[in-house]
Amino acid sequence: MLQVLNPATEEPVATVPAATPADVDAAVTRAAAAQRGWAAAAPADRARLLRRFAAVVDDHAEELARLEVLEAGHTIGNARWEAGNVRDLLDFAAGGVERLNGRQIPVAGGLDITLLEPLGVVGVIAPWNFPMPIAAWATAPALAAGNAVILKPAETTPLTALRLAALALEAGLPEDLFQVLPGTGPVAGNALVEHPGIAKIVFTGSTRVGKSIMAKCADQVKRVTLELGGKSPNIVFADADIEAAAAAAPMSFLDNSGQDCCARTRILVQRSAYDRFMELLTPAIEEIVVGDPADERTQMGPLISRAHLDRVRSYVTDDLPGIRGKAPEGSGFWFPPTVLTDVPEDAPCAVEEIFGPVAVVLPFDDEADAIRLANATEYGLSGSIWTRDVGRALRASRAVKAGNLSVNSHSSVRYWTPFGGYQQSGLGRELGPDALTAFTETKNVFISTEA
């Protein structure tokens, strides 16, 4: 059994069964049968059911949000956005069902066409940091493309996933088409990855685990999409609107308590603007409201677990200079908003993914120095560039090795635009206009017109 704790109180809120390899095997058999009927259904019918699923999610959005607060410690505002994002992803994917077009390619002596066919059964291994939306990132387009989905949520956050599966049945999706199997990574996750009946694995999590999954999938030449770690830069040039950049910086790495692969945890500030930026940033960090995630006024909640709290603490020793905000004491996995200064650019806190509410501020001299620092990491998921110079913004956007960049903002993820990383931040792309095709095989057919 898996015990689910409330991260804000450390109190148990639920227990759920942990799937075994036998459970995974049985689920794959059921999913394969369901998928054949789903793929044979008229595209308009599949789209209609997915839209109905979206409407049912919308009807239960507040319930899902409250469940996310309970199991993941997300602020209620964030949790409501996440439930809405699941709804929007399902609607967006439904719109692609009838537009999943092949091509007609000119050839001599006949007609050549391509067909986009579903892969079969897709395994989705979702993380605990954004349990609802990231699960939907893969599930919605995979279903829309005609596949069945088996979702293994993180062991600490299975409740919203289980509820979504129940809502799918309520909406009329075929039984066994979308199954949720809570369980541990080494048991249920590994069984899903290694099962020959799973055509593709979509994994979001640490780079270390992603590498292991990729190696296991390679043995079967199994398709894989990986969304892994990040250590994203927030580059502030001296010609930028410093007030705006400083005001936006805190929540660029404190949102979801820093448990975000896109968190801008490396703040790079041009030396001539450094003092002014820090003068503005300090009170902004100190005033962040950390507390009960169900309180509408709260800006930052707890970390997910005691083990993760200990990991974050290991990066921030008392001797490190910087800015510390306030956090509750007592029960709960609390860590204060923290900005470290005057640390070496190659210090562990400056180059490793902490996955908590901790950022470092590093000064740079010029554009070339900023790009050097921005790329001085094995990751390449996201980042921001603050400047009033359009030419510099374009040059820096081309030079920074990251899959998702924002200029004069911190927005990176929209369900209608592609998302994914460079280097060890991942493999493949999710979301966007090509989301459905990532769950299809391209079949080429030549039809001779010669007698």
Protein backbone atom coordinates (compact mmCIF):
# COMPACT_ATOMS: atom_id res chain seq x y z
CA MET A 1 0.00 0.00 0.00
CA LEU A 2 1.06 3.58 -0.64
CA GLN A 3 0.42 6.16 2.07
CA VAL A 4 -0.32 9.70 0.91
CA LEU A 5 0.69 12.51 3.28
CA ASN A 6 -0.42 16.13 3.38
CA PRO A 7 2.89 18.00 2.92
CA ALA A 8 1.65 20.97 4.95
CA THR A 9 0.77 18.93 8.04
CA GLU A 10 2.54 15.55 7.58
CA GLU A 11 -0.81 13.88 8.32
CA PRO A 12 -1.91 10.80 6.32
CA VAL A 13 -4.79 11.56 3.97
CA ALA A 14 -5.19 8.28 2.05
CA THR A 15 -3.75 4.86 1.29
CA VAL A 16 -3.95 3.27 -2.15
CA PRO A 17 -2.87 -0.15 -3.43
CA ALA A 18 0.57 -0.39 -5.04
CA ALA A 19 0.55 -2.10 -8.43
CA THR A 20 2.63 -5.22 -8.99
CA PRO A 21 4.17 -6.46 -12.25
CA ALA A 22 1.21 -8.82 -12.56
CA ASP A 23 -1.15 -5.85 -12.29
CA VAL A 24 0.77 -4.07 -15.04
CA ASP A 25 0.64 -7.13 -17.29
CA ALA A 26 -3.11 -7.47 -16.83
CA ALA A 27 -3.64 -3.76 -17.45
CA VAL A 28 -1.68 -3.90 -20.71
CA THR A 29 -3.82 -6.82 -21.94
CA ARG A 30 -7.01 -4.92 -21.16
CA ALA A 31 -5.67 -1.69 -22.67
CA ALA A 32 -4.68 -3.41 -25.93
CA ALA A 33 -8.21 -4.75 -26.35
CA ALA A 34 -9.76 -1.36 -25.60
CA GLN A 35 -7.37 0.41 -27.95
CA ARG A 36 -8.42 -1.61 -30.98
CA GLY A 37 -12.02 -0.51 -30.61
CA TRP A 38 -11.03 3.09 -29.88
CA ALA A 39 -8.80 3.31 -32.97
CA ALA A 40 -11.59 1.89 -35.13
CA ALA A 41 -14.12 4.47 -33.91
CA ALA A 42 -15.00 7.38 -36.17
CA PRO A 43 -12.72 10.37 -35.54
CA ALA A 44 -15.71 12.58 -34.79
CA ASP A 45 -16.85 10.14 -32.11
CA ARG A 46 -13.42 10.08 -30.44
CA ALA A 47 -13.28 13.87 -30.51
CA ARG A 48 -16.79 14.12 -29.05
CA LEU A 49 -15.89 11.84 -26.13
CA LEU A 50 -12.69 13.77 -25.38
CA ARG A 51 -14.65 17.03 -25.32
CA ARG A 52 -17.13 15.42 -22.97
CA PHE A 53 -14.19 14.33 -20.77
CA ALA A 54 -13.01 17.95 -20.74
CA ALA A 55 -16.46 19.14 -19.71
CA VAL A 56 -16.66 16.62 -16.86
CA VAL A 57 -13.21 17.72 -15.65
CA ASP A 58 -14.45 21.31 -15.73
CA ASP A 59 -17.50 20.33 -13.66
CA HIS A 60 -15.17 18.82 -11.05
CA ALA A 61 -12.39 21.43 -11.27
CA GLU A 62 -12.72 22.69 -7.70
CA GLU A 63 -12.77 19.13 -6.34
CA LEU A 64 -9.62 18.28 -8.31
CA ALA A 65 -7.92 21.47 -7.15
CA ARG A 66 -8.67 20.76 -3.49
CA LEU A 67 -7.35 17.24 -3.93
CA GLU A 68 -4.12 18.65 -5.40
CA VAL A 69 -3.74 20.98 -2.42
CA LEU A 70 -4.18 18.02 -0.10
CA GLU A 71 -1.74 15.60 -1.70
CA ALA A 72 0.86 17.92 -3.26
CA GLY A 73 0.76 21.06 -1.09
CA HIS A 74 0.11 23.34 -4.06
CA THR A 75 -1.41 26.72 -3.42
CA ILE A 76 -5.12 26.74 -4.17
CA GLY A 77 -4.65 29.26 -6.97
CA ASN A 78 -2.07 27.07 -8.70
CA ALA A 79 -4.19 23.96 -8.20
CA ARG A 80 -7.21 25.60 -9.84
CA TRP A 81 -5.04 26.56 -12.79
CA GLU A 82 -3.83 22.95 -13.05
CA ALA A 83 -7.35 21.53 -13.16
CA GLY A 84 -8.21 24.07 -15.84
CA ASN A 85 -5.11 23.12 -17.77
CA VAL A 86 -6.22 19.46 -17.87
CA ARG A 87 -9.58 20.60 -19.26
CA ASP A 88 -7.91 22.80 -21.88
CA LEU A 89 -5.47 20.06 -22.93
CA LEU A 90 -8.34 17.65 -23.52
CA ASP A 91 -10.21 20.25 -25.57
CA PHE A 92 -7.09 21.09 -27.57
CA ALA A 93 -6.32 17.42 -28.26
CA ALA A 94 -9.92 16.75 -29.26
CA GLY A 95 -9.59 19.45 -31.91
CA GLY A 96 -6.70 17.54 -33.45
CA VAL A 97 -8.46 14.20 -33.89
CA GLU A 98 -10.09 15.16 -37.19
CA ARG A 99 -7.01 17.05 -38.35
CA LEU A 100 -4.50 14.23 -37.96
CA ASN A 101 -3.71 14.29 -41.64
CA GLY A 102 -1.23 12.36 -43.73
CA ARG A 103 0.28 13.68 -46.94
CA GLN A 104 0.09 13.04 -50.67
CA ILE A 105 3.59 13.03 -52.16
CA PRO A 106 4.17 13.43 -55.92
CA VAL A 107 5.65 10.31 -57.52
CA ALA A 108 5.86 8.86 -61.01
CA GLY A 109 3.57 6.01 -62.02
CA GLY A 110 1.09 6.20 -59.20
CA LEU A 111 -0.09 7.85 -56.02
CA ASP A 112 1.91 8.01 -52.78
CA ILE A 113 0.21 8.76 -49.49
CA THR A 114 1.19 8.67 -45.83
CA LEU A 115 -1.04 7.40 -43.03
CA LEU A 116 -0.66 8.35 -39.36
CA GLU A 117 -1.55 5.31 -37.28
CA PRO A 118 -1.72 5.01 -33.48
CA LEU A 119 1.14 3.28 -31.70
CA GLY A 120 -1.06 1.09 -29.47
CA VAL A 121 -0.67 1.26 -25.69
CA VAL A 122 1.29 4.20 -24.27
CA GLY A 123 2.83 4.18 -20.80
CA VAL A 124 2.95 7.53 -18.99
CA ILE A 125 5.06 7.97 -15.85
CA ALA A 126 4.07 11.27 -14.26
CA PRO A 127 5.94 13.29 -11.58
CA TRP A 128 4.79 14.60 -8.22
CA ASN A 129 5.56 18.26 -8.84
CA PHE A 130 2.66 18.88 -11.27
CA PRO A 131 0.64 15.67 -11.03
CA MET A 132 -2.43 16.72 -13.01
CA PRO A 133 -1.20 18.81 -15.95
CA ILE A 134 1.91 16.81 -16.79
CA ALA A 135 -0.09 13.58 -16.77
CA ALA A 136 -2.49 15.24 -19.21
CA TRP A 137 0.35 16.50 -21.44
CA ALA A 138 0.84 12.93 -22.66
CA THR A 139 -2.54 11.35 -21.95
CA ALA A 140 -4.68 13.81 -23.91
CA PRO A 141 -2.78 13.69 -27.24
CA ALA A 142 -2.12 9.96 -26.94
CA LEU A 143 -5.84 9.26 -26.57
CA ALA A 144 -6.67 11.70 -29.35
CA ALA A 145 -4.29 9.90 -31.71
CA GLY A 146 -6.12 6.62 -31.10
CA ASN A 147 -3.98 5.04 -28.39
CA ALA A 148 -4.78 3.57 -24.99
CA VAL A 149 -2.94 4.99 -21.96
CA ILE A 150 -1.68 3.45 -18.75
CA LEU A 151 -0.65 6.17 -16.31
CA LYS A 152 1.61 5.53 -13.34
CA PRO A 153 1.46 8.58 -11.07
CA ALA A 154 4.19 9.37 -8.56
CA GLU A 155 3.77 7.36 -5.37
CA THR A 156 3.32 10.54 -3.29
CA THR A 157 0.58 12.04 -5.51
CA PRO A 158 -1.77 9.36 -6.94
CA LEU A 159 -5.11 10.85 -5.89
CA THR A 160 -5.82 13.30 -8.71
CA ALA A 161 -4.78 10.73 -11.31
CA LEU A 162 -7.18 8.16 -9.89
CA ARG A 163 -9.97 10.73 -9.86
CA LEU A 164 -9.27 11.68 -13.50
CA ALA A 165 -9.57 8.03 -14.52
CA ALA A 166 -12.95 7.84 -12.79
CA LEU A 167 -14.07 11.04 -14.53
CA ALA A 168 -13.03 9.58 -17.90
CA LEU A 169 -15.42 6.69 -17.35
CA GLU A 170 -18.13 9.11 -16.24
CA ALA A 171 -17.62 11.00 -19.50
CA GLY A 172 -18.18 7.81 -21.49
CA LEU A 173 -14.65 6.83 -22.53
CA PRO A 174 -14.38 3.07 -23.07
CA GLU A 175 -13.47 1.00 -20.05
CA ASP A 176 -9.73 0.16 -19.81
CA LEU A 177 -8.78 2.80 -22.39
CA PHE A 178 -7.32 5.07 -19.71
CA GLN A 179 -6.05 3.20 -16.66
CA VAL A 180 -4.18 4.53 -13.63
CA LEU A 181 -1.80 2.21 -11.75
CA PRO A 182 -0.30 3.77 -8.62
CA GLY A 183 2.91 2.14 -7.52
CA THR A 184 6.60 2.59 -6.92
CA GLY A 185 9.06 3.35 -9.68
CA PRO A 186 11.25 0.26 -9.20
CA VAL A 187 8.22 -2.07 -9.31
CA ALA A 188 5.26 -0.69 -11.27
CA GLY A 189 7.28 1.87 -13.24
CA ASN A 190 9.92 -0.65 -14.23
CA ALA A 191 7.28 -3.21 -15.23
CA LEU A 192 5.62 -0.62 -17.46
CA VAL A 193 8.92 0.34 -19.11
CA GLU A 194 9.97 -3.25 -19.77
CA HIS A 195 6.59 -4.61 -20.89
CA PRO A 196 6.69 -5.61 -24.58
CA GLY A 197 3.07 -4.55 -24.99
CA ILE A 198 3.88 -0.90 -24.28
CA ALA A 199 4.73 0.92 -27.50
CA LYS A 200 6.02 4.15 -25.99
CA ILE A 201 7.04 5.54 -22.61
CA VAL A 202 6.56 9.19 -21.69
CA PHE A 203 8.52 10.05 -18.56
CA THR A 204 8.86 13.27 -16.60
CA GLY A 205 11.32 13.29 -13.72
CA SER A 206 14.99 13.34 -12.86
CA THR A 207 17.73 13.05 -15.45
CA ARG A 208 19.19 10.09 -13.58
CA VAL A 209 16.00 8.05 -13.79
CA GLY A 210 15.36 9.23 -17.35
CA LYS A 211 18.69 7.83 -18.47
CA SER A 212 17.84 4.48 -16.91
CA ILE A 213 14.45 4.40 -18.64
CA MET A 214 16.01 5.32 -21.98
CA ALA A 215 18.51 2.47 -21.65
CA LYS A 216 15.76 -0.05 -20.88
CA CYS A 217 13.62 1.18 -23.78
CA ALA A 218 16.60 0.86 -26.11
CA ASP A 219 16.63 -2.90 -25.59
CA GLN A 220 13.22 -3.11 -27.29
CA VAL A 221 13.78 -0.11 -29.59
CA LYS A 222 10.83 1.39 -27.74
CA ARG A 223 9.92 5.01 -28.35
CA VAL A 224 10.49 7.40 -25.49
CA THR A 225 9.86 11.03 -24.65
CA LEU A 226 11.79 12.40 -21.68
CA GLU A 227 11.22 15.67 -19.84
CA LEU A 228 14.01 15.84 -17.30
CA GLY A 229 15.87 18.28 -15.08
CA GLY A 230 16.70 21.95 -15.43
CA LYS A 231 18.84 24.74 -14.03
CA SER A 232 17.43 27.62 -15.97
CA PRO A 233 19.03 31.06 -16.31
CA ASN A 234 17.30 34.37 -15.79
CA ILE A 235 19.54 36.86 -17.64
CA VAL A 236 19.10 40.52 -16.72
CA PHE A 237 21.00 42.99 -18.89
CA ALA A 238 21.70 46.51 -17.63
CA ASP A 239 19.49 48.08 -20.32
CA ALA A 240 16.44 46.10 -19.13
CA ASP A 241 13.58 47.45 -17.04
CA ILE A 242 15.34 46.53 -13.78
CA GLU A 243 12.28 47.21 -11.65
CA ALA A 244 10.17 44.84 -13.73
CA ALA A 245 12.88 42.19 -13.82
CA ALA A 246 13.37 42.30 -10.06
CA ALA A 247 9.63 42.21 -9.40
CA ALA A 248 9.19 39.14 -11.61
CA ALA A 249 12.24 37.25 -10.36
CA PRO A 250 10.89 35.82 -7.06
CA MET A 251 8.00 33.80 -8.45
CA SER A 252 10.11 32.67 -11.40
CA PHE A 253 11.79 30.25 -8.98
CA LEU A 254 9.41 30.18 -5.99
CA ASP A 255 6.29 29.10 -7.85
CA ASN A 256 5.35 25.60 -6.66
CA SER A 257 8.02 26.03 -3.96
CA GLY A 258 10.72 25.82 -6.63
CA GLN A 259 9.67 22.28 -7.52
CA ASP A 260 9.65 23.09 -11.22
CA CYS A 261 12.12 22.02 -13.90
CA CYS A 262 11.66 25.44 -15.54
CA ALA A 263 12.43 27.42 -12.36
CA ARG A 264 14.79 30.31 -13.07
CA THR A 265 17.21 29.40 -10.29
CA ARG A 266 20.32 30.99 -11.84
CA ILE A 267 19.80 34.76 -11.85
CA LEU A 268 22.50 36.37 -14.00
CA VAL A 269 22.70 40.14 -13.61
CA GLN A 270 24.96 42.51 -15.53
CA ARG A 271 27.48 43.93 -13.09
CA SER A 272 26.56 47.58 -13.64
CA ALA A 273 22.93 46.83 -12.65
CA TYR A 274 23.70 44.31 -9.90
CA ASP A 275 23.41 46.60 -6.86
CA ARG A 276 20.13 48.14 -8.00
CA PHE A 277 18.68 44.72 -8.83
CA MET A 278 19.59 43.32 -5.39
CA GLU A 279 18.22 46.42 -3.67
CA LEU A 280 14.85 45.68 -5.28
CA LEU A 281 14.98 41.89 -4.98
CA THR A 282 15.73 41.72 -1.24
CA PRO A 283 12.41 43.07 0.09
CA ALA A 284 10.48 41.15 -2.57
CA ILE A 285 11.93 37.85 -1.29
CA GLU A 286 11.45 38.75 2.35
CA GLU A 287 7.77 39.58 1.79
CA ILE A 288 6.75 36.32 0.08
CA VAL A 289 3.86 34.74 2.00
CA VAL A 290 4.64 31.10 2.81
CA GLY A 291 1.96 29.08 4.59
CA ASP A 292 -1.23 27.09 4.39
CA PRO A 293 -1.67 26.26 0.68
CA ALA A 294 -5.46 26.32 1.05
CA ASP A 295 -5.32 30.00 2.09
CA GLU A 296 -6.05 32.28 -0.87
CA ARG A 297 -3.33 34.71 0.28
CA THR A 298 -0.52 32.14 0.29
CA GLN A 299 2.10 32.52 -2.42
CA MET A 300 4.24 29.48 -1.60
CA GLY A 301 3.45 26.18 0.09
CA PRO A 302 5.55 23.32 1.48
CA LEU A 303 7.91 20.91 -0.22
CA ILE A 304 6.56 17.50 -1.12
CA SER A 305 8.24 15.26 1.50
CA ARG A 306 10.67 15.01 4.39
CA ALA A 307 13.28 13.36 2.16
CA HIS A 308 13.05 16.17 -0.37
CA LEU A 309 13.24 18.80 2.37
CA ASP A 310 16.47 17.21 3.61
CA ARG A 311 17.87 17.24 0.07
CA VAL A 312 17.14 20.95 -0.39
CA ARG A 313 18.64 21.75 3.01
CA SER A 314 21.87 19.99 2.04
CA TYR A 315 22.57 22.72 -0.55
CA VAL A 316 22.07 25.70 1.77
CA THR A 317 24.52 25.83 4.64
CA ASP A 318 24.44 28.59 7.26
CA ASP A 319 27.74 30.04 6.05
CA LEU A 320 26.42 30.87 2.57
CA PRO A 321 25.59 34.59 2.17
CA GLY A 322 22.25 35.63 0.78
CA ILE A 323 18.62 36.53 1.44
CA ARG A 324 16.26 34.37 3.47
CA GLY A 325 12.53 34.76 3.61
CA LYS A 326 10.14 33.40 6.22
CA ALA A 327 8.50 29.98 6.49
CA PRO A 328 6.30 28.28 9.10
CA GLU A 329 7.87 26.19 11.84
CA GLY A 330 6.62 22.91 13.24
CA SER A 331 4.80 20.23 11.27
CA GLY A 332 5.06 20.31 7.50
CA PHE A 333 7.89 20.25 4.97
CA TRP A 334 8.71 23.96 5.00
CA PHE A 335 11.72 25.75 3.55
CA PRO A 336 12.04 29.54 3.27
CA PRO A 337 12.52 31.45 0.01
CA THR A 338 16.29 31.73 -0.39
CA VAL A 339 18.61 33.68 -2.69
CA LEU A 340 22.33 32.93 -2.41
CA THR A 341 24.93 35.53 -3.37
CA ASP A 342 28.72 35.64 -3.62
CA VAL A 343 29.01 31.95 -4.44
CA PRO A 344 31.45 30.53 -7.01
CA GLU A 345 29.85 30.07 -10.42
CA ASP A 346 30.71 26.36 -10.32
CA ALA A 347 29.44 25.75 -6.77
CA PRO A 348 26.96 22.84 -6.46
CA CYS A 349 24.14 25.26 -5.60
CA ALA A 350 24.90 27.19 -8.80
CA VAL A 351 25.01 24.30 -11.27
CA GLU A 352 22.99 21.40 -9.80
CA GLU A 353 19.22 21.16 -9.79
CA ILE A 354 18.08 21.74 -6.20
CA PHE A 355 14.36 21.57 -7.02
CA GLY A 356 13.44 23.84 -4.17
CA PRO A 357 12.90 27.56 -3.41
CA VAL A 358 16.58 28.41 -3.81
CA ALA A 359 18.24 30.62 -6.42
CA VAL A 360 21.74 31.99 -6.88
CA VAL A 361 22.63 35.44 -8.23
CA LEU A 362 25.75 35.65 -10.37
CA PRO A 363 27.12 38.87 -11.93
CA PHE A 364 28.35 39.04 -15.53
CA ASP A 365 30.32 41.60 -17.50
CA ASP A 366 28.96 41.64 -21.05
CA GLU A 367 26.80 39.72 -23.50
CA ALA A 368 29.42 37.08 -24.20
CA ASP A 369 29.96 36.52 -20.48
CA ALA A 370 26.19 36.20 -19.93
CA ILE A 371 25.90 33.51 -22.61
CA ARG A 372 28.90 31.67 -21.20
CA LEU A 373 27.34 31.56 -17.74
CA ALA A 374 23.89 30.67 -19.08
CA ASN A 375 25.30 27.65 -20.89
CA ALA A 376 27.61 26.54 -18.06
CA THR A 377 25.34 23.65 -17.08
CA GLU A 378 24.46 20.20 -18.39
CA TYR A 379 20.80 21.18 -18.64
CA GLY A 380 18.91 23.20 -21.23
CA LEU A 381 15.20 23.34 -20.52
CA SER A 382 14.16 26.93 -20.09
CA GLY A 383 15.29 30.50 -19.42
CA SER A 384 14.52 34.20 -19.55
CA ILE A 385 16.23 37.20 -21.13
CA TRP A 386 15.56 40.75 -19.93
CA THR A 387 16.63 43.57 -22.28
CA ARG A 388 15.16 46.51 -24.20
CA ASP A 389 17.50 45.78 -27.14
CA VAL A 390 15.61 43.66 -29.70
CA GLY A 391 18.80 42.65 -31.47
CA ARG A 392 20.36 41.48 -28.20
CA ALA A 393 17.19 39.59 -27.33
CA LEU A 394 17.35 37.71 -30.63
CA ARG A 395 21.09 37.04 -30.40
CA ALA A 396 20.79 35.76 -26.85
CA SER A 397 17.76 33.63 -27.73
CA ARG A 398 19.77 31.91 -30.43
CA ALA A 399 22.86 31.51 -28.26
CA VAL A 400 21.32 30.12 -25.06
CA LYS A 401 21.08 26.33 -25.22
CA ALA A 402 17.53 25.80 -24.05
CA GLY A 403 14.32 24.52 -25.56
CA ASN A 404 12.05 27.24 -24.14
CA LEU A 405 12.94 30.89 -23.71
CA SER A 406 11.04 34.02 -22.71
CA VAL A 407 12.02 37.62 -23.38
CA ASN A 408 11.03 40.13 -20.70
CA SER A 409 8.85 37.51 -19.03
CA HIS A 410 9.04 34.09 -17.41
CA SER A 411 6.39 32.25 -19.40
CA SER A 412 7.52 28.96 -20.95
CA VAL A 413 4.70 26.45 -21.08
CA ARG A 414 1.55 26.80 -23.16
CA TYR A 415 -0.38 23.74 -24.26
CA TRP A 416 -0.59 25.00 -27.86
CA THR A 417 3.21 25.54 -28.25
CA PRO A 418 5.97 22.90 -28.14
CA PHE A 419 7.82 22.14 -24.92
CA GLY A 420 11.03 20.21 -24.28
CA GLY A 421 14.70 20.52 -23.51
CA TYR A 422 18.21 20.53 -24.90
CA GLN A 423 21.12 18.46 -23.60
CA GLN A 424 20.30 16.51 -20.43
CA SER A 425 16.96 18.24 -19.94
CA GLY A 426 15.24 15.72 -22.14
CA LEU A 427 14.45 14.13 -25.45
CA GLY A 428 11.56 14.94 -27.77
CA ARG A 429 8.85 17.57 -27.53
CA GLU A 430 5.44 17.64 -25.89
CA LEU A 431 2.40 19.89 -26.40
CA GLY A 432 1.95 22.21 -29.35
CA PRO A 433 0.57 21.62 -32.85
CA ASP A 434 2.52 18.37 -33.33
CA ALA A 435 1.53 16.76 -30.02
CA LEU A 436 -0.69 14.09 -31.58
CA THR A 437 1.84 13.03 -34.21
CA ALA A 438 4.29 12.10 -31.44
CA PHE A 439 1.94 9.20 -30.67
CA THR A 440 1.65 7.88 -34.22
CA GLU A 441 3.55 5.78 -36.72
CA THR A 442 3.94 7.10 -40.26
CA LYS A 443 3.03 4.50 -42.87
CA ASN A 444 3.88 5.17 -46.50
CA VAL A 445 1.61 3.64 -49.18
CA PHE A 446 2.34 3.67 -52.94
CA ILE A 447 -0.53 2.86 -55.30
CA SER A 448 0.43 2.12 -58.89
CA THR A 449 -1.73 3.65 -61.62
CA GLU A 450 -0.03 1.78 -64.45
CA ALA A 451 -1.75 -1.17 -66.04
